[in-house]
Amino acid sequence: MRVAAVGLIGLSACSQKPAKFNAMDVTDAPWGQSYSLPDLQGNIITPASFTGKVTAVFFGFMYCPDACPTHLTKMGEVKKLLGKHAEKFQIVFITIDPERDAADQLKKYLASFDPTIVGLRGSLDQTQAIAKDFRVFYKKVDTKDSRRDPKAYTIDHTTFTYVYDGQGKLRLVIPHDLAVEKIASDIRNLITR
């Protein structure tokens, strides 16, 4: 009888196996569990603002020459691959350059990729605090034009995407080089759970 009970427990554990993801599963991570920043209209946005939607959060800046536009394009492709599930997927872009990324310009920039992208723009202090909580590295780097123009800098930064489930819980971290199809599979998996 004891062996049968152990066997049933083993089978029960197998049937409740957590989903396998292509991205890094960070469900129990102690960091990045929340954020609270103003959107480009001044409304305070938190993960709860998107209850019922899987949310992909990316940190970047408007003058980024490569990683940010590539990422935004990739997330647009993910959204297309989601088909009927696309309405339950929200892309959020948090600027790490609030000094140059003015709200009106950032809104136009993001809309050029997808008009439904939500842009978040905090103060310098808020940006530093949220980056620290998410373990996002970013650093201003001078360019050849920086002596002439103090705003002619670039920013080195991490390029991970942080994915929240429909209940507002951080679940995944997507590396920048993960294929679009694999990202879409993970997002669909979270949407349909």
N, C-alpha and C. Protein backbone atom coordinates (compact mmCIF):
# COMPACT_ATOMS: atom_id res chain seq x y z
N MET A 1 0.83 -1.19 0.00
CA MET A 1 0.00 0.00 0.00
C MET A 1 0.87 1.25 0.00
N ARG A 2 1.94 1.17 0.80
CA ARG A 2 2.84 2.30 0.88
C ARG A 2 3.50 2.58 -0.47
N VAL A 3 3.91 1.53 -1.19
CA VAL A 3 4.52 1.68 -2.51
C VAL A 3 3.52 2.31 -3.47
N ALA A 4 2.27 1.87 -3.41
CA ALA A 4 1.24 2.43 -4.28
C ALA A 4 1.05 3.92 -4.01
N ALA A 5 1.06 4.31 -2.75
CA ALA A 5 0.90 5.73 -2.40
C ALA A 5 2.06 6.55 -2.93
N VAL A 6 3.27 6.02 -2.78
CA VAL A 6 4.45 6.71 -3.30
C VAL A 6 4.35 6.82 -4.82
N GLY A 7 3.90 5.76 -5.47
CA GLY A 7 3.73 5.77 -6.93
C GLY A 7 2.71 6.81 -7.37
N LEU A 8 1.59 6.91 -6.65
CA LEU A 8 0.57 7.91 -6.98
C LEU A 8 1.11 9.33 -6.81
N ILE A 9 1.88 9.54 -5.75
CA ILE A 9 2.48 10.86 -5.54
C ILE A 9 3.42 11.18 -6.70
N GLY A 10 4.20 10.19 -7.11
CA GLY A 10 5.12 10.39 -8.23
C GLY A 10 4.38 10.72 -9.52
N LEU A 11 3.28 10.00 -9.81
CA LEU A 11 2.50 10.27 -11.01
C LEU A 11 1.84 11.64 -10.93
N SER A 12 1.37 11.98 -9.75
CA SER A 12 0.74 13.28 -9.55
C SER A 12 1.73 14.39 -9.82
N ALA A 13 2.95 14.22 -9.34
CA ALA A 13 3.98 15.23 -9.56
C ALA A 13 4.30 15.37 -11.04
N CYS A 14 4.29 14.24 -11.76
CA CYS A 14 4.58 14.29 -13.20
C CYS A 14 3.49 15.01 -13.97
N SER A 15 2.24 14.81 -13.57
CA SER A 15 1.15 15.42 -14.32
C SER A 15 1.07 16.94 -14.09
N GLN A 16 1.69 17.45 -13.03
CA GLN A 16 1.66 18.88 -12.75
C GLN A 16 3.00 19.53 -13.10
N LYS A 17 3.70 18.93 -14.00
CA LYS A 17 5.01 19.41 -14.41
C LYS A 17 4.90 20.83 -14.97
N PRO A 18 5.76 21.73 -14.54
CA PRO A 18 5.69 23.09 -15.07
C PRO A 18 6.05 23.11 -16.56
N ALA A 19 5.52 24.09 -17.23
CA ALA A 19 5.78 24.23 -18.67
C ALA A 19 7.26 24.50 -18.90
N LYS A 20 7.77 23.98 -19.98
CA LYS A 20 9.15 24.25 -20.39
C LYS A 20 9.11 25.47 -21.30
N PHE A 21 10.03 26.38 -21.07
CA PHE A 21 10.10 27.59 -21.87
C PHE A 21 11.41 27.65 -22.63
N ASN A 22 11.41 28.38 -23.72
CA ASN A 22 12.64 28.63 -24.48
C ASN A 22 13.47 29.71 -23.80
N ALA A 23 12.79 30.68 -23.21
CA ALA A 23 13.45 31.76 -22.48
C ALA A 23 13.79 31.28 -21.07
N MET A 24 14.49 32.12 -20.32
CA MET A 24 14.85 31.78 -18.94
C MET A 24 13.64 31.95 -18.02
N ASP A 25 13.29 30.88 -17.33
CA ASP A 25 12.17 30.93 -16.38
C ASP A 25 12.68 31.54 -15.08
N VAL A 26 12.16 32.70 -14.72
CA VAL A 26 12.58 33.41 -13.50
C VAL A 26 11.39 33.61 -12.56
N THR A 27 10.47 32.68 -12.59
CA THR A 27 9.22 32.79 -11.84
C THR A 27 9.43 33.16 -10.37
N ASP A 28 10.43 32.61 -9.75
CA ASP A 28 10.63 32.87 -8.32
C ASP A 28 11.74 33.88 -8.04
N ALA A 29 12.13 34.64 -9.03
CA ALA A 29 13.21 35.63 -8.83
C ALA A 29 12.78 36.69 -7.82
N PRO A 30 13.70 37.10 -6.94
CA PRO A 30 13.36 38.13 -5.96
C PRO A 30 13.44 39.55 -6.51
N TRP A 31 13.85 39.71 -7.75
CA TRP A 31 14.02 41.03 -8.36
C TRP A 31 13.02 41.22 -9.49
N GLY A 32 12.80 42.47 -9.86
CA GLY A 32 11.95 42.77 -11.01
C GLY A 32 10.49 42.39 -10.86
N GLN A 33 10.03 42.21 -9.65
CA GLN A 33 8.65 41.76 -9.46
C GLN A 33 7.62 42.86 -9.66
N SER A 34 8.06 44.11 -9.65
CA SER A 34 7.11 45.19 -9.83
C SER A 34 7.80 46.42 -10.41
N TYR A 35 7.00 47.30 -10.92
CA TYR A 35 7.48 48.60 -11.38
C TYR A 35 6.33 49.58 -11.27
N SER A 36 6.67 50.84 -11.19
CA SER A 36 5.66 51.90 -11.12
C SER A 36 6.28 53.14 -11.74
N LEU A 37 5.88 53.44 -12.96
CA LEU A 37 6.43 54.57 -13.70
C LEU A 37 5.32 55.27 -14.48
N PRO A 38 5.50 56.55 -14.76
CA PRO A 38 4.51 57.24 -15.59
C PRO A 38 4.64 56.85 -17.06
N ASP A 39 3.47 56.73 -17.71
CA ASP A 39 3.50 56.52 -19.16
C ASP A 39 3.69 57.88 -19.82
N LEU A 40 3.59 57.93 -21.12
CA LEU A 40 3.89 59.16 -21.85
C LEU A 40 2.79 60.20 -21.75
N GLN A 41 1.66 59.83 -21.11
CA GLN A 41 0.58 60.78 -20.84
C GLN A 41 0.56 61.17 -19.36
N GLY A 42 1.48 60.60 -18.56
CA GLY A 42 1.56 60.93 -17.14
C GLY A 42 0.82 59.99 -16.21
N ASN A 43 0.16 58.95 -16.75
CA ASN A 43 -0.54 57.97 -15.91
C ASN A 43 0.46 56.99 -15.30
N ILE A 44 0.29 56.66 -14.03
CA ILE A 44 1.19 55.71 -13.38
C ILE A 44 0.83 54.29 -13.83
N ILE A 45 1.84 53.57 -14.30
CA ILE A 45 1.66 52.22 -14.83
C ILE A 45 2.42 51.23 -13.95
N THR A 46 1.76 50.12 -13.63
CA THR A 46 2.35 49.02 -12.87
C THR A 46 2.01 47.72 -13.61
N PRO A 47 2.56 46.59 -13.20
CA PRO A 47 2.16 45.34 -13.84
C PRO A 47 0.64 45.10 -13.77
N ALA A 48 0.00 45.56 -12.70
CA ALA A 48 -1.46 45.38 -12.56
C ALA A 48 -2.24 46.15 -13.63
N SER A 49 -1.61 47.14 -14.26
CA SER A 49 -2.27 47.90 -15.33
C SER A 49 -2.60 47.01 -16.52
N PHE A 50 -1.93 45.87 -16.62
CA PHE A 50 -2.11 44.98 -17.76
C PHE A 50 -2.67 43.62 -17.36
N THR A 51 -3.44 43.58 -16.28
CA THR A 51 -4.04 42.32 -15.83
C THR A 51 -4.80 41.68 -16.98
N GLY A 52 -4.55 40.39 -17.18
CA GLY A 52 -5.20 39.66 -18.27
C GLY A 52 -4.37 39.63 -19.55
N LYS A 53 -3.26 40.36 -19.56
CA LYS A 53 -2.37 40.37 -20.73
C LYS A 53 -0.98 39.91 -20.32
N VAL A 54 -0.32 39.19 -21.21
CA VAL A 54 1.09 38.89 -21.04
C VAL A 54 1.84 40.14 -21.51
N THR A 55 2.78 40.58 -20.70
CA THR A 55 3.46 41.84 -20.97
C THR A 55 4.95 41.62 -21.14
N ALA A 56 5.52 42.16 -22.22
CA ALA A 56 6.96 42.11 -22.48
C ALA A 56 7.54 43.49 -22.22
N VAL A 57 8.45 43.59 -21.25
CA VAL A 57 9.04 44.87 -20.85
C VAL A 57 10.49 44.92 -21.31
N PHE A 58 10.84 45.99 -22.02
CA PHE A 58 12.20 46.16 -22.53
C PHE A 58 12.72 47.53 -22.12
N PHE A 59 13.98 47.58 -21.73
CA PHE A 59 14.65 48.84 -21.38
C PHE A 59 15.50 49.28 -22.56
N GLY A 60 15.34 50.52 -23.00
CA GLY A 60 16.12 51.01 -24.13
C GLY A 60 16.06 52.51 -24.22
N PHE A 61 16.47 53.04 -25.37
CA PHE A 61 16.42 54.48 -25.58
C PHE A 61 16.23 54.78 -27.06
N MET A 62 15.65 55.91 -27.31
CA MET A 62 15.23 56.28 -28.66
C MET A 62 16.39 56.44 -29.64
N TYR A 63 17.54 56.87 -29.17
CA TYR A 63 18.68 57.10 -30.05
C TYR A 63 19.56 55.86 -30.20
N CYS A 64 19.11 54.75 -29.72
CA CYS A 64 19.84 53.49 -29.81
C CYS A 64 19.99 53.11 -31.28
N PRO A 65 21.23 52.87 -31.73
CA PRO A 65 21.42 52.61 -33.15
C PRO A 65 21.08 51.20 -33.63
N ASP A 66 21.01 50.23 -32.72
CA ASP A 66 20.83 48.86 -33.20
C ASP A 66 19.93 47.98 -32.34
N ALA A 67 20.29 47.74 -31.11
CA ALA A 67 19.55 46.76 -30.29
C ALA A 67 18.09 47.13 -30.08
N CYS A 68 17.81 48.40 -29.81
CA CYS A 68 16.43 48.80 -29.50
C CYS A 68 15.50 48.70 -30.72
N PRO A 69 15.89 49.28 -31.87
CA PRO A 69 14.99 49.11 -33.02
C PRO A 69 14.85 47.65 -33.45
N THR A 70 15.93 46.89 -33.31
CA THR A 70 15.86 45.47 -33.65
C THR A 70 14.87 44.76 -32.72
N HIS A 71 14.95 45.07 -31.43
CA HIS A 71 14.05 44.46 -30.46
C HIS A 71 12.59 44.83 -30.74
N LEU A 72 12.34 46.11 -30.97
CA LEU A 72 10.96 46.55 -31.20
C LEU A 72 10.38 45.90 -32.46
N THR A 73 11.21 45.76 -33.48
CA THR A 73 10.78 45.07 -34.70
C THR A 73 10.47 43.61 -34.39
N LYS A 74 11.34 42.98 -33.62
CA LYS A 74 11.17 41.57 -33.25
C LYS A 74 9.87 41.36 -32.46
N MET A 75 9.58 42.25 -31.52
CA MET A 75 8.35 42.11 -30.74
C MET A 75 7.11 42.29 -31.63
N GLY A 76 7.21 43.14 -32.64
CA GLY A 76 6.13 43.29 -33.61
C GLY A 76 5.90 42.00 -34.38
N GLU A 77 6.99 41.31 -34.73
CA GLU A 77 6.89 40.03 -35.42
C GLU A 77 6.26 38.98 -34.51
N VAL A 78 6.65 39.00 -33.24
CA VAL A 78 6.05 38.08 -32.26
C VAL A 78 4.55 38.29 -32.22
N LYS A 79 4.16 39.54 -32.15
CA LYS A 79 2.73 39.88 -32.08
C LYS A 79 1.97 39.33 -33.29
N LYS A 80 2.56 39.44 -34.47
CA LYS A 80 1.92 38.90 -35.68
C LYS A 80 1.79 37.39 -35.60
N LEU A 81 2.83 36.72 -35.11
CA LEU A 81 2.79 35.26 -35.00
C LEU A 81 1.75 34.78 -33.99
N LEU A 82 1.39 35.63 -33.04
CA LEU A 82 0.39 35.25 -32.04
C LEU A 82 -1.02 35.18 -32.61
N GLY A 83 -1.24 35.78 -33.78
CA GLY A 83 -2.55 35.72 -34.42
C GLY A 83 -3.65 36.20 -33.51
N LYS A 84 -4.65 35.34 -33.27
CA LYS A 84 -5.82 35.73 -32.47
C LYS A 84 -5.46 36.03 -31.01
N HIS A 85 -4.30 35.59 -30.56
CA HIS A 85 -3.88 35.85 -29.18
C HIS A 85 -3.17 37.19 -29.02
N ALA A 86 -2.92 37.89 -30.12
CA ALA A 86 -2.17 39.15 -30.07
C ALA A 86 -2.81 40.20 -29.16
N GLU A 87 -4.13 40.18 -29.07
CA GLU A 87 -4.82 41.18 -28.23
C GLU A 87 -4.53 40.97 -26.75
N LYS A 88 -3.98 39.82 -26.39
CA LYS A 88 -3.64 39.54 -24.99
C LYS A 88 -2.14 39.68 -24.74
N PHE A 89 -1.47 40.42 -25.62
CA PHE A 89 -0.02 40.64 -25.51
C PHE A 89 0.26 42.14 -25.55
N GLN A 90 0.99 42.62 -24.57
CA GLN A 90 1.31 44.05 -24.49
C GLN A 90 2.82 44.25 -24.46
N ILE A 91 3.31 45.15 -25.30
CA ILE A 91 4.73 45.51 -25.31
C ILE A 91 4.90 46.81 -24.53
N VAL A 92 5.87 46.82 -23.61
CA VAL A 92 6.16 48.01 -22.80
C VAL A 92 7.63 48.36 -22.99
N PHE A 93 7.90 49.64 -23.25
CA PHE A 93 9.26 50.13 -23.45
C PHE A 93 9.58 51.14 -22.36
N ILE A 94 10.60 50.86 -21.54
CA ILE A 94 11.02 51.78 -20.48
C ILE A 94 12.29 52.47 -20.94
N THR A 95 12.24 53.80 -21.06
CA THR A 95 13.43 54.52 -21.50
C THR A 95 14.47 54.60 -20.38
N ILE A 96 15.72 54.38 -20.75
CA ILE A 96 16.84 54.56 -19.82
C ILE A 96 17.53 55.89 -20.10
N ASP A 97 16.90 56.71 -20.94
CA ASP A 97 17.47 58.01 -21.32
C ASP A 97 16.40 59.11 -21.22
N PRO A 98 15.86 59.34 -20.01
CA PRO A 98 14.80 60.34 -19.90
C PRO A 98 15.28 61.76 -20.20
N GLU A 99 16.60 61.99 -20.19
CA GLU A 99 17.12 63.32 -20.52
C GLU A 99 16.86 63.69 -21.98
N ARG A 100 17.00 62.73 -22.88
CA ARG A 100 16.80 63.02 -24.31
C ARG A 100 15.47 62.51 -24.85
N ASP A 101 14.94 61.46 -24.26
CA ASP A 101 13.70 60.86 -24.78
C ASP A 101 12.48 61.62 -24.26
N ALA A 102 12.20 62.75 -24.88
CA ALA A 102 11.02 63.54 -24.51
C ALA A 102 9.76 62.72 -24.82
N ALA A 103 8.75 62.88 -24.00
CA ALA A 103 7.53 62.07 -24.12
C ALA A 103 6.91 62.13 -25.51
N ASP A 104 6.76 63.32 -26.08
CA ASP A 104 6.12 63.43 -27.40
C ASP A 104 6.94 62.77 -28.49
N GLN A 105 8.26 62.90 -28.43
CA GLN A 105 9.12 62.26 -29.44
C GLN A 105 9.14 60.75 -29.26
N LEU A 106 9.19 60.30 -28.01
CA LEU A 106 9.22 58.87 -27.74
C LEU A 106 7.92 58.21 -28.19
N LYS A 107 6.82 58.90 -28.01
CA LYS A 107 5.52 58.37 -28.45
C LYS A 107 5.52 58.14 -29.96
N LYS A 108 6.02 59.10 -30.72
CA LYS A 108 6.09 58.95 -32.19
C LYS A 108 7.04 57.83 -32.58
N TYR A 109 8.17 57.77 -31.90
CA TYR A 109 9.17 56.73 -32.18
C TYR A 109 8.56 55.34 -31.98
N LEU A 110 7.93 55.12 -30.84
CA LEU A 110 7.35 53.81 -30.55
C LEU A 110 6.21 53.47 -31.51
N ALA A 111 5.40 54.47 -31.85
CA ALA A 111 4.28 54.25 -32.78
C ALA A 111 4.77 53.83 -34.16
N SER A 112 6.00 54.22 -34.51
CA SER A 112 6.52 53.82 -35.82
C SER A 112 6.76 52.31 -35.89
N PHE A 113 6.85 51.66 -34.74
CA PHE A 113 6.99 50.20 -34.69
C PHE A 113 5.63 49.54 -34.47
N ASP A 114 4.83 50.08 -33.55
CA ASP A 114 3.51 49.54 -33.24
C ASP A 114 2.80 50.58 -32.38
N PRO A 115 1.65 51.07 -32.83
CA PRO A 115 0.96 52.12 -32.08
C PRO A 115 0.45 51.69 -30.71
N THR A 116 0.45 50.39 -30.42
CA THR A 116 -0.04 49.93 -29.11
C THR A 116 1.07 49.80 -28.06
N ILE A 117 2.32 50.04 -28.44
CA ILE A 117 3.42 49.95 -27.46
C ILE A 117 3.22 51.03 -26.41
N VAL A 118 3.35 50.65 -25.16
CA VAL A 118 3.25 51.60 -24.05
C VAL A 118 4.66 52.02 -23.66
N GLY A 119 4.92 53.32 -23.75
CA GLY A 119 6.21 53.86 -23.34
C GLY A 119 6.15 54.37 -21.92
N LEU A 120 7.18 54.07 -21.14
CA LEU A 120 7.26 54.55 -19.76
C LEU A 120 8.52 55.41 -19.63
N ARG A 121 8.35 56.55 -18.95
CA ARG A 121 9.46 57.50 -18.83
C ARG A 121 9.44 58.11 -17.44
N GLY A 122 10.39 57.69 -16.61
CA GLY A 122 10.49 58.23 -15.26
C GLY A 122 11.55 59.31 -15.17
N SER A 123 11.75 59.82 -13.98
CA SER A 123 12.84 60.76 -13.72
C SER A 123 14.16 59.99 -13.74
N LEU A 124 15.27 60.71 -13.68
CA LEU A 124 16.57 60.04 -13.62
C LEU A 124 16.65 59.12 -12.40
N ASP A 125 16.17 59.60 -11.25
CA ASP A 125 16.20 58.79 -10.03
C ASP A 125 15.31 57.54 -10.17
N GLN A 126 14.13 57.71 -10.72
CA GLN A 126 13.23 56.56 -10.91
C GLN A 126 13.86 55.55 -11.87
N THR A 127 14.48 56.06 -12.93
CA THR A 127 15.12 55.19 -13.92
C THR A 127 16.25 54.39 -13.29
N GLN A 128 17.07 55.06 -12.50
CA GLN A 128 18.17 54.36 -11.82
C GLN A 128 17.63 53.30 -10.86
N ALA A 129 16.58 53.63 -10.13
CA ALA A 129 16.02 52.68 -9.15
C ALA A 129 15.42 51.46 -9.83
N ILE A 130 14.66 51.67 -10.90
CA ILE A 130 14.04 50.52 -11.56
C ILE A 130 15.08 49.67 -12.28
N ALA A 131 16.09 50.32 -12.87
CA ALA A 131 17.16 49.56 -13.52
C ALA A 131 17.89 48.69 -12.49
N LYS A 132 18.13 49.25 -11.33
CA LYS A 132 18.81 48.49 -10.26
C LYS A 132 17.95 47.30 -9.84
N ASP A 133 16.65 47.51 -9.67
CA ASP A 133 15.76 46.43 -9.26
C ASP A 133 15.70 45.31 -10.30
N PHE A 134 15.77 45.67 -11.57
CA PHE A 134 15.71 44.68 -12.65
C PHE A 134 17.08 44.13 -13.03
N ARG A 135 18.11 44.66 -12.37
CA ARG A 135 19.49 44.27 -12.68
C ARG A 135 19.86 44.63 -14.11
N VAL A 136 19.36 45.76 -14.55
CA VAL A 136 19.67 46.26 -15.89
C VAL A 136 20.91 47.14 -15.80
N PHE A 137 21.91 46.82 -16.59
CA PHE A 137 23.11 47.65 -16.67
C PHE A 137 22.90 48.68 -17.77
N TYR A 138 23.24 49.92 -17.49
CA TYR A 138 23.30 50.93 -18.54
C TYR A 138 24.31 52.00 -18.15
N LYS A 139 24.98 52.54 -19.15
CA LYS A 139 26.04 53.52 -18.91
C LYS A 139 26.19 54.42 -20.13
N LYS A 140 26.23 55.73 -19.88
CA LYS A 140 26.47 56.68 -20.97
C LYS A 140 27.89 56.50 -21.48
N VAL A 141 28.03 56.58 -22.80
CA VAL A 141 29.34 56.46 -23.44
C VAL A 141 29.49 57.62 -24.41
N ASP A 142 30.58 58.36 -24.28
CA ASP A 142 30.83 59.48 -25.18
C ASP A 142 31.06 58.98 -26.60
N THR A 143 30.69 59.83 -27.55
CA THR A 143 30.96 59.57 -28.96
C THR A 143 31.96 60.62 -29.44
N LYS A 144 32.36 60.55 -30.69
CA LYS A 144 33.31 61.53 -31.23
C LYS A 144 32.73 62.95 -31.20
N ASP A 145 31.41 63.07 -31.14
CA ASP A 145 30.77 64.38 -31.14
C ASP A 145 30.45 64.91 -29.74
N SER A 146 30.77 64.15 -28.71
CA SER A 146 30.39 64.52 -27.34
C SER A 146 31.03 65.82 -26.86
N ARG A 147 32.25 66.12 -27.31
CA ARG A 147 32.90 67.38 -26.89
C ARG A 147 32.13 68.58 -27.39
N ARG A 148 31.65 68.48 -28.60
CA ARG A 148 30.92 69.57 -29.23
C ARG A 148 29.48 69.67 -28.70
N ASP A 149 28.89 68.52 -28.46
CA ASP A 149 27.49 68.47 -28.03
C ASP A 149 27.37 67.48 -26.86
N PRO A 150 27.12 67.99 -25.65
CA PRO A 150 27.04 67.08 -24.49
C PRO A 150 25.92 66.04 -24.57
N LYS A 151 24.97 66.25 -25.47
CA LYS A 151 23.90 65.26 -25.63
C LYS A 151 24.19 64.26 -26.75
N ALA A 152 25.39 64.34 -27.30
CA ALA A 152 25.79 63.41 -28.37
C ALA A 152 26.52 62.22 -27.75
N TYR A 153 25.78 61.44 -27.00
CA TYR A 153 26.34 60.24 -26.38
C TYR A 153 25.49 59.05 -26.80
N THR A 154 26.00 57.89 -26.54
CA THR A 154 25.21 56.68 -26.70
C THR A 154 25.12 56.02 -25.32
N ILE A 155 24.42 54.93 -25.24
CA ILE A 155 24.29 54.23 -23.95
C ILE A 155 24.50 52.74 -24.19
N ASP A 156 25.45 52.19 -23.46
CA ASP A 156 25.60 50.74 -23.44
C ASP A 156 24.57 50.21 -22.44
N HIS A 157 23.88 49.13 -22.80
CA HIS A 157 22.86 48.60 -21.89
C HIS A 157 22.57 47.13 -22.15
N THR A 158 22.03 46.48 -21.13
CA THR A 158 21.61 45.09 -21.31
C THR A 158 20.39 45.06 -22.22
N THR A 159 20.19 43.93 -22.87
CA THR A 159 19.12 43.85 -23.87
C THR A 159 18.14 42.70 -23.60
N PHE A 160 17.90 42.43 -22.34
CA PHE A 160 16.92 41.40 -22.00
C PHE A 160 15.51 41.96 -22.07
N THR A 161 14.56 41.08 -22.31
CA THR A 161 13.14 41.41 -22.24
C THR A 161 12.55 40.64 -21.07
N TYR A 162 11.77 41.33 -20.26
CA TYR A 162 11.18 40.76 -19.05
C TYR A 162 9.70 40.51 -19.32
N VAL A 163 9.25 39.28 -19.12
CA VAL A 163 7.88 38.91 -19.47
C VAL A 163 7.06 38.60 -18.21
N TYR A 164 5.93 39.29 -18.11
CA TYR A 164 4.98 39.11 -17.01
C TYR A 164 3.78 38.33 -17.52
N ASP A 165 3.24 37.46 -16.68
CA ASP A 165 2.03 36.73 -17.06
C ASP A 165 0.81 37.62 -16.87
N GLY A 166 -0.36 37.10 -17.16
CA GLY A 166 -1.60 37.87 -17.09
C GLY A 166 -2.01 38.30 -15.69
N GLN A 167 -1.34 37.74 -14.68
CA GLN A 167 -1.60 38.14 -13.29
C GLN A 167 -0.57 39.17 -12.80
N GLY A 168 0.32 39.59 -13.69
CA GLY A 168 1.31 40.60 -13.33
C GLY A 168 2.52 40.06 -12.60
N LYS A 169 2.81 38.77 -12.77
CA LYS A 169 3.96 38.14 -12.11
C LYS A 169 5.08 37.94 -13.13
N LEU A 170 6.30 38.34 -12.76
CA LEU A 170 7.45 38.14 -13.64
C LEU A 170 7.67 36.65 -13.83
N ARG A 171 7.75 36.22 -15.09
CA ARG A 171 7.90 34.79 -15.39
C ARG A 171 9.14 34.47 -16.20
N LEU A 172 9.46 35.30 -17.18
CA LEU A 172 10.54 34.95 -18.11
C LEU A 172 11.48 36.13 -18.35
N VAL A 173 12.72 35.79 -18.69
CA VAL A 173 13.67 36.76 -19.21
C VAL A 173 14.12 36.23 -20.57
N ILE A 174 13.90 37.05 -21.59
CA ILE A 174 14.22 36.65 -22.96
C ILE A 174 15.56 37.27 -23.36
N PRO A 175 16.54 36.45 -23.74
CA PRO A 175 17.79 37.01 -24.25
C PRO A 175 17.56 37.60 -25.64
N HIS A 176 18.37 38.58 -26.01
CA HIS A 176 18.15 39.30 -27.27
C HIS A 176 18.25 38.42 -28.50
N ASP A 177 18.97 37.30 -28.41
CA ASP A 177 19.20 36.48 -29.60
C ASP A 177 18.23 35.30 -29.74
N LEU A 178 17.21 35.23 -28.90
CA LEU A 178 16.24 34.14 -29.01
C LEU A 178 15.37 34.37 -30.25
N ALA A 179 15.15 33.32 -31.02
CA ALA A 179 14.39 33.41 -32.27
C ALA A 179 12.94 33.83 -32.02
N VAL A 180 12.41 34.58 -32.96
CA VAL A 180 11.04 35.10 -32.89
C VAL A 180 10.03 33.98 -32.65
N GLU A 181 10.16 32.87 -33.35
CA GLU A 181 9.22 31.75 -33.21
C GLU A 181 9.24 31.18 -31.79
N LYS A 182 10.41 31.13 -31.19
CA LYS A 182 10.52 30.60 -29.82
C LYS A 182 9.91 31.58 -28.81
N ILE A 183 10.12 32.87 -29.04
CA ILE A 183 9.51 33.88 -28.17
C ILE A 183 7.99 33.78 -28.27
N ALA A 184 7.48 33.71 -29.49
CA ALA A 184 6.03 33.62 -29.70
C ALA A 184 5.46 32.38 -29.03
N SER A 185 6.19 31.27 -29.09
CA SER A 185 5.74 30.04 -28.44
C SER A 185 5.63 30.23 -26.93
N ASP A 186 6.62 30.87 -26.33
CA ASP A 186 6.57 31.12 -24.88
C ASP A 186 5.43 32.06 -24.51
N ILE A 187 5.25 33.12 -25.28
CA ILE A 187 4.17 34.09 -25.00
C ILE A 187 2.82 33.39 -25.13
N ARG A 188 2.64 32.62 -26.19
CA ARG A 188 1.39 31.89 -26.40
C ARG A 188 1.13 30.93 -25.24
N ASN A 189 2.18 30.26 -24.79
CA ASN A 189 2.06 29.33 -23.67
C ASN A 189 1.54 30.06 -22.43
N LEU A 190 2.06 31.25 -22.15
CA LEU A 190 1.59 32.02 -20.99
C LEU A 190 0.16 32.53 -21.18
N ILE A 191 -0.17 32.93 -22.40
CA ILE A 191 -1.52 33.44 -22.68
C ILE A 191 -2.58 32.35 -22.49
N THR A 192 -2.28 31.15 -22.94
CA THR A 192 -3.28 30.08 -22.96
C THR A 192 -3.31 29.24 -21.69
N ARG A 193 -2.51 29.56 -20.71
CA ARG A 193 -2.49 28.79 -19.44
C ARG A 193 -3.71 29.09 -18.63
